[in-house]
Amino acid sequence: MAHVRTQLRKGVQARLATVAALSGVHDESRIVRGFQQDDFPLALVGVTETVSGVSDSQGQRVYTRGMSVSIRLCVEDDVENAEDALDGLAVAVEKALLKSSDLGVGKLQQWRLANTSPVTPVAVSEGYMLSQTLTYSCDVMTADSTPETNLLS
């Protein structure tokens, strides 16, 4: 089984794949490869975490993993009124990610939209694209010996 971080990323990607307004949903690392016109609008998903020890339980430590899910929404740089286009995508994304139970990762404590970045240009091999990042956060519990198992499932 994959790390809980991977499970969360894949769960978010699966939900975003149901958003009709998006032409593609990819890992954040996809940004290093080129994009075609028909790839837009798109979402790039990445997950980071902060780990803290909670307790010792039956010889193993239980961790709280503070997960941060970044969803970079991207449009072509020549889109008229990119802010409106990105805000429209954000509405669809927020609706798709409303319930953490839809992500297939088990229980996520305090699943919430934490912040949104301003619209920024991003250099890519073809020139620029415009992006805005939505950041979601939650907590997941794992044991040190089983980082692939959400103890809250």
N, C-alpha and C. Protein backbone atom coordinates (compact mmCIF):
# COMPACT_ATOMS: atom_id res chain seq x y z
N MET A 1 0.85 -1.18 0.00
CA MET A 1 0.00 0.00 0.00
C MET A 1 0.89 1.24 0.00
N ALA A 2 0.45 2.30 -0.59
CA ALA A 2 1.21 3.54 -0.71
C ALA A 2 1.15 4.37 0.58
N HIS A 3 2.12 5.22 0.73
CA HIS A 3 2.18 6.16 1.87
C HIS A 3 0.86 6.94 1.94
N VAL A 4 0.44 7.34 3.15
CA VAL A 4 -0.81 8.11 3.28
C VAL A 4 -0.74 9.42 2.48
N ARG A 5 0.44 9.97 2.35
CA ARG A 5 0.62 11.20 1.55
C ARG A 5 0.24 10.93 0.09
N THR A 6 0.70 9.80 -0.43
CA THR A 6 0.38 9.41 -1.81
C THR A 6 -1.12 9.13 -1.94
N GLN A 7 -1.68 8.43 -0.96
CA GLN A 7 -3.11 8.12 -1.00
C GLN A 7 -3.95 9.40 -1.03
N LEU A 8 -3.54 10.39 -0.25
CA LEU A 8 -4.28 11.65 -0.22
C LEU A 8 -4.16 12.37 -1.56
N ARG A 9 -2.95 12.43 -2.11
CA ARG A 9 -2.75 13.08 -3.41
C ARG A 9 -3.60 12.41 -4.50
N LYS A 10 -3.55 11.09 -4.54
CA LYS A 10 -4.31 10.34 -5.55
C LYS A 10 -5.82 10.50 -5.34
N GLY A 11 -6.26 10.56 -4.07
CA GLY A 11 -7.69 10.77 -3.79
C GLY A 11 -8.16 12.13 -4.26
N VAL A 12 -7.36 13.17 -4.01
CA VAL A 12 -7.70 14.51 -4.48
C VAL A 12 -7.71 14.54 -6.01
N GLN A 13 -6.73 13.92 -6.63
CA GLN A 13 -6.68 13.89 -8.09
C GLN A 13 -7.90 13.18 -8.68
N ALA A 14 -8.30 12.09 -8.06
CA ALA A 14 -9.48 11.36 -8.56
C ALA A 14 -10.73 12.23 -8.47
N ARG A 15 -10.89 12.96 -7.38
CA ARG A 15 -12.06 13.86 -7.26
C ARG A 15 -11.98 14.97 -8.29
N LEU A 16 -10.80 15.55 -8.47
CA LEU A 16 -10.67 16.65 -9.43
C LEU A 16 -10.86 16.17 -10.87
N ALA A 17 -10.58 14.91 -11.13
CA ALA A 17 -10.80 14.37 -12.48
C ALA A 17 -12.27 14.38 -12.85
N THR A 18 -13.16 14.53 -11.86
CA THR A 18 -14.60 14.59 -12.13
C THR A 18 -15.06 16.02 -12.44
N VAL A 19 -14.17 16.99 -12.32
CA VAL A 19 -14.52 18.39 -12.59
C VAL A 19 -14.45 18.63 -14.09
N ALA A 20 -15.61 18.82 -14.69
CA ALA A 20 -15.70 18.96 -16.16
C ALA A 20 -14.91 20.17 -16.68
N ALA A 21 -14.74 21.20 -15.89
CA ALA A 21 -14.05 22.41 -16.34
C ALA A 21 -12.54 22.22 -16.49
N LEU A 22 -12.00 21.16 -15.91
CA LEU A 22 -10.56 20.90 -16.00
C LEU A 22 -10.25 19.93 -17.14
N SER A 23 -9.27 20.27 -17.96
CA SER A 23 -8.85 19.37 -19.03
C SER A 23 -7.90 18.30 -18.55
N GLY A 24 -7.22 18.57 -17.43
CA GLY A 24 -6.29 17.58 -16.91
C GLY A 24 -5.97 17.83 -15.45
N VAL A 25 -5.62 16.75 -14.76
CA VAL A 25 -5.20 16.80 -13.36
C VAL A 25 -3.93 15.97 -13.26
N HIS A 26 -2.87 16.60 -12.73
CA HIS A 26 -1.55 15.96 -12.73
C HIS A 26 -0.85 16.16 -11.39
N ASP A 27 0.23 15.40 -11.19
CA ASP A 27 1.12 15.65 -10.05
C ASP A 27 1.79 17.00 -10.26
N GLU A 28 2.18 17.65 -9.16
CA GLU A 28 2.85 18.95 -9.22
C GLU A 28 4.12 18.88 -10.08
N SER A 29 4.81 17.77 -10.06
CA SER A 29 6.05 17.63 -10.83
C SER A 29 5.83 17.71 -12.34
N ARG A 30 4.62 17.58 -12.80
CA ARG A 30 4.29 17.65 -14.23
C ARG A 30 4.67 18.99 -14.83
N ILE A 31 4.85 20.01 -13.98
CA ILE A 31 5.15 21.35 -14.45
C ILE A 31 6.48 21.42 -15.20
N VAL A 32 7.38 20.47 -14.99
CA VAL A 32 8.67 20.51 -15.66
C VAL A 32 8.61 20.02 -17.11
N ARG A 33 7.49 19.44 -17.50
CA ARG A 33 7.32 19.01 -18.89
C ARG A 33 6.45 20.03 -19.62
N GLY A 34 6.50 20.00 -20.92
CA GLY A 34 5.73 20.97 -21.71
C GLY A 34 4.24 20.72 -21.68
N PHE A 35 3.50 21.77 -21.99
CA PHE A 35 2.05 21.69 -22.06
C PHE A 35 1.58 22.05 -23.46
N GLN A 36 0.52 21.40 -23.90
CA GLN A 36 -0.13 21.72 -25.17
C GLN A 36 -1.34 22.60 -24.87
N GLN A 37 -1.84 23.27 -25.87
CA GLN A 37 -2.99 24.14 -25.69
C GLN A 37 -4.19 23.37 -25.13
N ASP A 38 -4.37 22.13 -25.57
CA ASP A 38 -5.53 21.37 -25.11
C ASP A 38 -5.35 20.79 -23.70
N ASP A 39 -4.20 21.03 -23.06
CA ASP A 39 -4.00 20.62 -21.67
C ASP A 39 -4.67 21.57 -20.69
N PHE A 40 -5.03 22.76 -21.14
CA PHE A 40 -5.58 23.80 -20.26
C PHE A 40 -7.09 23.84 -20.32
N PRO A 41 -7.72 24.27 -19.23
CA PRO A 41 -7.18 24.54 -17.90
C PRO A 41 -6.83 23.23 -17.21
N LEU A 42 -5.89 23.32 -16.27
CA LEU A 42 -5.43 22.12 -15.59
C LEU A 42 -5.20 22.37 -14.11
N ALA A 43 -5.03 21.28 -13.38
CA ALA A 43 -4.72 21.35 -11.95
C ALA A 43 -3.50 20.49 -11.69
N LEU A 44 -2.57 21.04 -10.90
CA LEU A 44 -1.38 20.32 -10.47
C LEU A 44 -1.50 20.12 -8.96
N VAL A 45 -1.34 18.88 -8.51
CA VAL A 45 -1.59 18.56 -7.10
C VAL A 45 -0.31 18.07 -6.43
N GLY A 46 -0.03 18.64 -5.26
CA GLY A 46 1.10 18.20 -4.45
C GLY A 46 0.69 18.13 -2.99
N VAL A 47 1.39 17.30 -2.22
CA VAL A 47 1.09 17.15 -0.79
C VAL A 47 2.39 17.24 -0.01
N THR A 48 2.38 18.06 1.03
CA THR A 48 3.48 18.12 1.98
C THR A 48 2.92 17.83 3.36
N GLU A 49 3.81 17.55 4.30
CA GLU A 49 3.34 17.23 5.64
C GLU A 49 4.33 17.69 6.70
N THR A 50 3.80 17.90 7.87
CA THR A 50 4.59 18.15 9.07
C THR A 50 4.22 17.06 10.06
N VAL A 51 5.21 16.38 10.57
CA VAL A 51 4.95 15.23 11.43
C VAL A 51 5.32 15.56 12.87
N SER A 52 4.42 15.19 13.78
CA SER A 52 4.72 15.35 15.21
C SER A 52 4.34 14.07 15.93
N GLY A 53 5.15 13.70 16.91
CA GLY A 53 4.86 12.50 17.70
C GLY A 53 3.74 12.78 18.67
N VAL A 54 2.89 11.81 18.85
CA VAL A 54 1.75 11.97 19.75
C VAL A 54 1.94 11.14 21.00
N SER A 55 2.13 9.86 20.82
CA SER A 55 2.22 8.99 21.99
C SER A 55 2.88 7.67 21.61
N ASP A 56 3.28 6.93 22.63
CA ASP A 56 3.74 5.56 22.43
C ASP A 56 2.57 4.64 22.70
N SER A 57 2.34 3.72 21.80
CA SER A 57 1.22 2.80 21.95
C SER A 57 1.69 1.41 21.56
N GLN A 58 1.73 0.50 22.50
CA GLN A 58 2.12 -0.88 22.26
C GLN A 58 3.45 -0.98 21.53
N GLY A 59 4.43 -0.20 21.99
CA GLY A 59 5.77 -0.28 21.43
C GLY A 59 6.01 0.51 20.16
N GLN A 60 5.06 1.26 19.70
CA GLN A 60 5.26 2.09 18.51
C GLN A 60 4.75 3.50 18.76
N ARG A 61 5.36 4.44 18.08
CA ARG A 61 4.92 5.83 18.21
C ARG A 61 3.77 6.10 17.25
N VAL A 62 2.84 6.90 17.72
CA VAL A 62 1.72 7.32 16.89
C VAL A 62 1.99 8.77 16.51
N TYR A 63 1.91 9.06 15.21
CA TYR A 63 2.18 10.38 14.69
C TYR A 63 0.91 11.09 14.24
N THR A 64 0.91 12.39 14.42
CA THR A 64 -0.06 13.23 13.75
C THR A 64 0.66 13.83 12.55
N ARG A 65 0.10 13.62 11.39
CA ARG A 65 0.68 14.17 10.16
C ARG A 65 -0.19 15.34 9.72
N GLY A 66 0.34 16.54 9.83
CA GLY A 66 -0.36 17.73 9.35
C GLY A 66 -0.15 17.83 7.85
N MET A 67 -1.16 17.47 7.10
CA MET A 67 -1.05 17.42 5.63
C MET A 67 -1.48 18.74 5.02
N SER A 68 -0.75 19.15 4.00
CA SER A 68 -1.07 20.35 3.24
C SER A 68 -1.16 19.94 1.78
N VAL A 69 -2.33 20.12 1.18
CA VAL A 69 -2.57 19.75 -0.21
C VAL A 69 -2.63 21.01 -1.05
N SER A 70 -1.70 21.15 -1.97
CA SER A 70 -1.72 22.32 -2.86
C SER A 70 -2.29 21.92 -4.21
N ILE A 71 -3.23 22.73 -4.65
CA ILE A 71 -3.87 22.50 -5.95
C ILE A 71 -3.63 23.75 -6.77
N ARG A 72 -2.68 23.66 -7.69
CA ARG A 72 -2.34 24.80 -8.54
C ARG A 72 -3.23 24.74 -9.78
N LEU A 73 -4.14 25.69 -9.88
CA LEU A 73 -5.02 25.80 -11.05
C LEU A 73 -4.30 26.65 -12.08
N CYS A 74 -4.29 26.20 -13.33
CA CYS A 74 -3.51 26.88 -14.36
C CYS A 74 -4.33 27.11 -15.62
N VAL A 75 -4.15 28.30 -16.19
CA VAL A 75 -4.75 28.65 -17.48
C VAL A 75 -3.65 29.23 -18.36
N GLU A 76 -3.92 29.28 -19.64
CA GLU A 76 -2.96 29.87 -20.58
C GLU A 76 -2.79 31.35 -20.28
N ASP A 77 -1.62 31.87 -20.61
CA ASP A 77 -1.33 33.27 -20.29
C ASP A 77 -2.12 34.27 -21.12
N ASP A 78 -2.74 33.81 -22.21
CA ASP A 78 -3.51 34.75 -23.04
C ASP A 78 -5.01 34.70 -22.75
N VAL A 79 -5.40 34.03 -21.68
CA VAL A 79 -6.82 33.99 -21.30
C VAL A 79 -7.25 35.38 -20.85
N GLU A 80 -8.33 35.83 -21.45
CA GLU A 80 -8.85 37.13 -21.06
C GLU A 80 -9.45 37.03 -19.66
N ASN A 81 -9.08 37.95 -18.79
CA ASN A 81 -9.52 38.01 -17.41
C ASN A 81 -9.25 36.68 -16.68
N ALA A 82 -7.97 36.39 -16.54
CA ALA A 82 -7.53 35.14 -15.90
C ALA A 82 -8.07 35.01 -14.48
N GLU A 83 -8.19 36.12 -13.76
CA GLU A 83 -8.71 36.04 -12.39
C GLU A 83 -10.11 35.44 -12.36
N ASP A 84 -10.97 35.89 -13.27
CA ASP A 84 -12.32 35.34 -13.32
C ASP A 84 -12.30 33.86 -13.73
N ALA A 85 -11.46 33.52 -14.69
CA ALA A 85 -11.36 32.13 -15.13
C ALA A 85 -10.89 31.23 -13.98
N LEU A 86 -9.86 31.68 -13.26
CA LEU A 86 -9.34 30.89 -12.15
C LEU A 86 -10.33 30.82 -10.98
N ASP A 87 -11.04 31.92 -10.73
CA ASP A 87 -12.07 31.89 -9.68
C ASP A 87 -13.19 30.92 -10.04
N GLY A 88 -13.55 30.86 -11.31
CA GLY A 88 -14.56 29.89 -11.75
C GLY A 88 -14.10 28.46 -11.55
N LEU A 89 -12.82 28.19 -11.84
CA LEU A 89 -12.27 26.86 -11.58
C LEU A 89 -12.25 26.57 -10.09
N ALA A 90 -11.92 27.58 -9.29
CA ALA A 90 -11.87 27.40 -7.84
C ALA A 90 -13.24 27.00 -7.29
N VAL A 91 -14.29 27.57 -7.81
CA VAL A 91 -15.65 27.21 -7.37
C VAL A 91 -15.88 25.72 -7.61
N ALA A 92 -15.53 25.25 -8.81
CA ALA A 92 -15.74 23.84 -9.14
C ALA A 92 -14.88 22.93 -8.27
N VAL A 93 -13.64 23.34 -8.01
CA VAL A 93 -12.74 22.54 -7.17
C VAL A 93 -13.25 22.49 -5.74
N GLU A 94 -13.64 23.64 -5.20
CA GLU A 94 -14.13 23.66 -3.82
C GLU A 94 -15.36 22.78 -3.64
N LYS A 95 -16.24 22.78 -4.63
CA LYS A 95 -17.42 21.91 -4.55
C LYS A 95 -17.02 20.43 -4.63
N ALA A 96 -16.05 20.11 -5.47
CA ALA A 96 -15.61 18.72 -5.62
C ALA A 96 -14.93 18.20 -4.36
N LEU A 97 -14.27 19.09 -3.62
CA LEU A 97 -13.51 18.68 -2.44
C LEU A 97 -14.23 18.98 -1.13
N LEU A 98 -15.51 19.21 -1.21
CA LEU A 98 -16.29 19.58 -0.03
C LEU A 98 -16.22 18.53 1.08
N LYS A 99 -16.36 17.26 0.73
CA LYS A 99 -16.40 16.19 1.73
C LYS A 99 -15.11 15.36 1.66
N SER A 100 -14.39 15.33 2.76
CA SER A 100 -13.15 14.54 2.78
C SER A 100 -13.44 13.05 2.66
N SER A 101 -14.64 12.64 3.00
CA SER A 101 -15.00 11.22 2.89
C SER A 101 -15.01 10.75 1.43
N ASP A 102 -15.10 11.69 0.49
CA ASP A 102 -15.09 11.34 -0.94
C ASP A 102 -13.68 11.04 -1.46
N LEU A 103 -12.65 11.23 -0.64
CA LEU A 103 -11.28 11.09 -1.11
C LEU A 103 -10.73 9.67 -0.97
N GLY A 104 -11.44 8.80 -0.24
CA GLY A 104 -11.04 7.41 -0.13
C GLY A 104 -9.79 7.15 0.69
N VAL A 105 -9.49 8.03 1.64
CA VAL A 105 -8.27 7.91 2.44
C VAL A 105 -8.60 7.57 3.89
N GLY A 106 -9.84 7.47 4.22
CA GLY A 106 -10.24 7.31 5.61
C GLY A 106 -10.56 8.67 6.20
N LYS A 107 -10.69 8.71 7.51
CA LYS A 107 -11.07 9.96 8.17
C LYS A 107 -9.91 10.95 8.15
N LEU A 108 -10.21 12.16 7.74
CA LEU A 108 -9.25 13.26 7.76
C LEU A 108 -9.76 14.27 8.79
N GLN A 109 -8.95 14.55 9.80
CA GLN A 109 -9.37 15.50 10.82
C GLN A 109 -9.22 16.92 10.30
N GLN A 110 -10.25 17.71 10.51
CA GLN A 110 -10.25 19.14 10.18
C GLN A 110 -9.92 19.43 8.71
N TRP A 111 -10.49 18.70 7.79
CA TRP A 111 -10.32 18.95 6.36
C TRP A 111 -10.89 20.32 6.05
N ARG A 112 -10.08 21.20 5.46
CA ARG A 112 -10.55 22.56 5.20
C ARG A 112 -9.70 23.25 4.15
N LEU A 113 -10.30 24.23 3.50
CA LEU A 113 -9.55 25.13 2.62
C LEU A 113 -8.82 26.10 3.53
N ALA A 114 -7.50 26.12 3.46
CA ALA A 114 -6.70 26.94 4.36
C ALA A 114 -6.35 28.30 3.77
N ASN A 115 -6.05 28.35 2.48
CA ASN A 115 -5.74 29.64 1.86
C ASN A 115 -5.73 29.53 0.34
N THR A 116 -5.70 30.69 -0.27
CA THR A 116 -5.64 30.81 -1.73
C THR A 116 -4.57 31.84 -2.07
N SER A 117 -3.76 31.55 -3.04
CA SER A 117 -2.70 32.47 -3.43
C SER A 117 -3.22 33.48 -4.45
N PRO A 118 -2.48 34.58 -4.65
CA PRO A 118 -2.85 35.48 -5.74
C PRO A 118 -2.53 34.82 -7.09
N VAL A 119 -3.08 35.35 -8.14
CA VAL A 119 -2.78 34.87 -9.49
C VAL A 119 -1.34 35.26 -9.83
N THR A 120 -0.56 34.29 -10.28
CA THR A 120 0.84 34.55 -10.60
C THR A 120 1.21 33.92 -11.94
N PRO A 121 2.11 34.57 -12.68
CA PRO A 121 2.62 33.95 -13.90
C PRO A 121 3.66 32.90 -13.54
N VAL A 122 3.68 31.81 -14.29
CA VAL A 122 4.63 30.73 -14.07
C VAL A 122 5.33 30.45 -15.40
N ALA A 123 6.65 30.51 -15.39
CA ALA A 123 7.41 30.22 -16.61
C ALA A 123 7.38 28.72 -16.89
N VAL A 124 7.03 28.37 -18.10
CA VAL A 124 7.08 26.99 -18.58
C VAL A 124 7.83 27.00 -19.90
N SER A 125 8.14 25.85 -20.43
CA SER A 125 8.98 25.78 -21.63
C SER A 125 8.37 26.53 -22.82
N GLU A 126 7.06 26.66 -22.88
CA GLU A 126 6.39 27.34 -24.00
C GLU A 126 6.23 28.84 -23.76
N GLY A 127 6.60 29.33 -22.60
CA GLY A 127 6.41 30.74 -22.27
C GLY A 127 5.91 30.87 -20.84
N TYR A 128 4.66 31.28 -20.69
CA TYR A 128 4.08 31.46 -19.36
C TYR A 128 2.68 30.87 -19.31
N MET A 129 2.28 30.53 -18.10
CA MET A 129 0.89 30.23 -17.81
C MET A 129 0.56 31.01 -16.55
N LEU A 130 -0.71 31.18 -16.29
CA LEU A 130 -1.16 31.89 -15.09
C LEU A 130 -1.74 30.88 -14.12
N SER A 131 -1.40 31.04 -12.85
CA SER A 131 -1.88 30.05 -11.89
C SER A 131 -2.33 30.69 -10.59
N GLN A 132 -3.12 29.94 -9.88
CA GLN A 132 -3.57 30.30 -8.55
C GLN A 132 -3.62 29.00 -7.75
N THR A 133 -3.09 29.02 -6.53
CA THR A 133 -3.02 27.81 -5.73
C THR A 133 -4.02 27.85 -4.59
N LEU A 134 -4.81 26.78 -4.50
CA LEU A 134 -5.69 26.57 -3.36
C LEU A 134 -4.97 25.57 -2.45
N THR A 135 -4.92 25.86 -1.17
CA THR A 135 -4.26 24.96 -0.23
C THR A 135 -5.28 24.46 0.78
N TYR A 136 -5.39 23.14 0.84
CA TYR A 136 -6.24 22.47 1.82
C TYR A 136 -5.35 21.89 2.90
N SER A 137 -5.89 21.74 4.09
CA SER A 137 -5.12 21.12 5.16
C SER A 137 -5.99 20.15 5.94
N CYS A 138 -5.32 19.21 6.60
CA CYS A 138 -5.99 18.22 7.44
C CYS A 138 -4.94 17.52 8.27
N ASP A 139 -5.40 16.72 9.21
CA ASP A 139 -4.52 15.89 10.02
C ASP A 139 -4.87 14.43 9.80
N VAL A 140 -3.83 13.59 9.76
CA VAL A 140 -3.97 12.15 9.62
C VAL A 140 -3.12 11.52 10.72
N MET A 141 -3.58 10.43 11.27
CA MET A 141 -2.83 9.71 12.31
C MET A 141 -2.27 8.43 11.72
N THR A 142 -0.97 8.19 11.97
CA THR A 142 -0.33 6.94 11.55
C THR A 142 0.59 6.47 12.66
N ALA A 143 0.96 5.20 12.61
CA ALA A 143 2.00 4.68 13.50
C ALA A 143 3.33 4.78 12.76
N ASP A 144 4.43 4.88 13.52
CA ASP A 144 5.73 5.00 12.87
C ASP A 144 6.07 3.77 12.02
N SER A 145 5.54 2.62 12.38
CA SER A 145 5.82 1.39 11.63
C SER A 145 4.90 1.18 10.44
N THR A 146 3.83 2.00 10.33
CA THR A 146 2.88 1.84 9.22
C THR A 146 2.48 3.20 8.65
N PRO A 147 3.40 3.88 7.96
CA PRO A 147 3.06 5.19 7.39
C PRO A 147 2.06 5.11 6.24
N GLU A 148 1.71 3.92 5.84
CA GLU A 148 0.74 3.75 4.76
C GLU A 148 -0.67 3.53 5.29
N THR A 149 -0.84 3.51 6.62
CA THR A 149 -2.16 3.21 7.21
C THR A 149 -2.66 4.38 8.03
N ASN A 150 -3.80 4.93 7.63
CA ASN A 150 -4.46 5.98 8.39
C ASN A 150 -5.17 5.30 9.56
N LEU A 151 -4.73 5.61 10.77
CA LEU A 151 -5.32 4.98 11.96
C LEU A 151 -6.75 5.44 12.21
N LEU A 152 -7.18 6.49 11.55
CA LEU A 152 -8.54 7.02 11.74
C LEU A 152 -9.53 6.41 10.76
N SER A 153 -9.09 5.43 9.99
CA SER A 153 -10.00 4.81 9.02
C SER A 153 -11.08 4.02 9.68
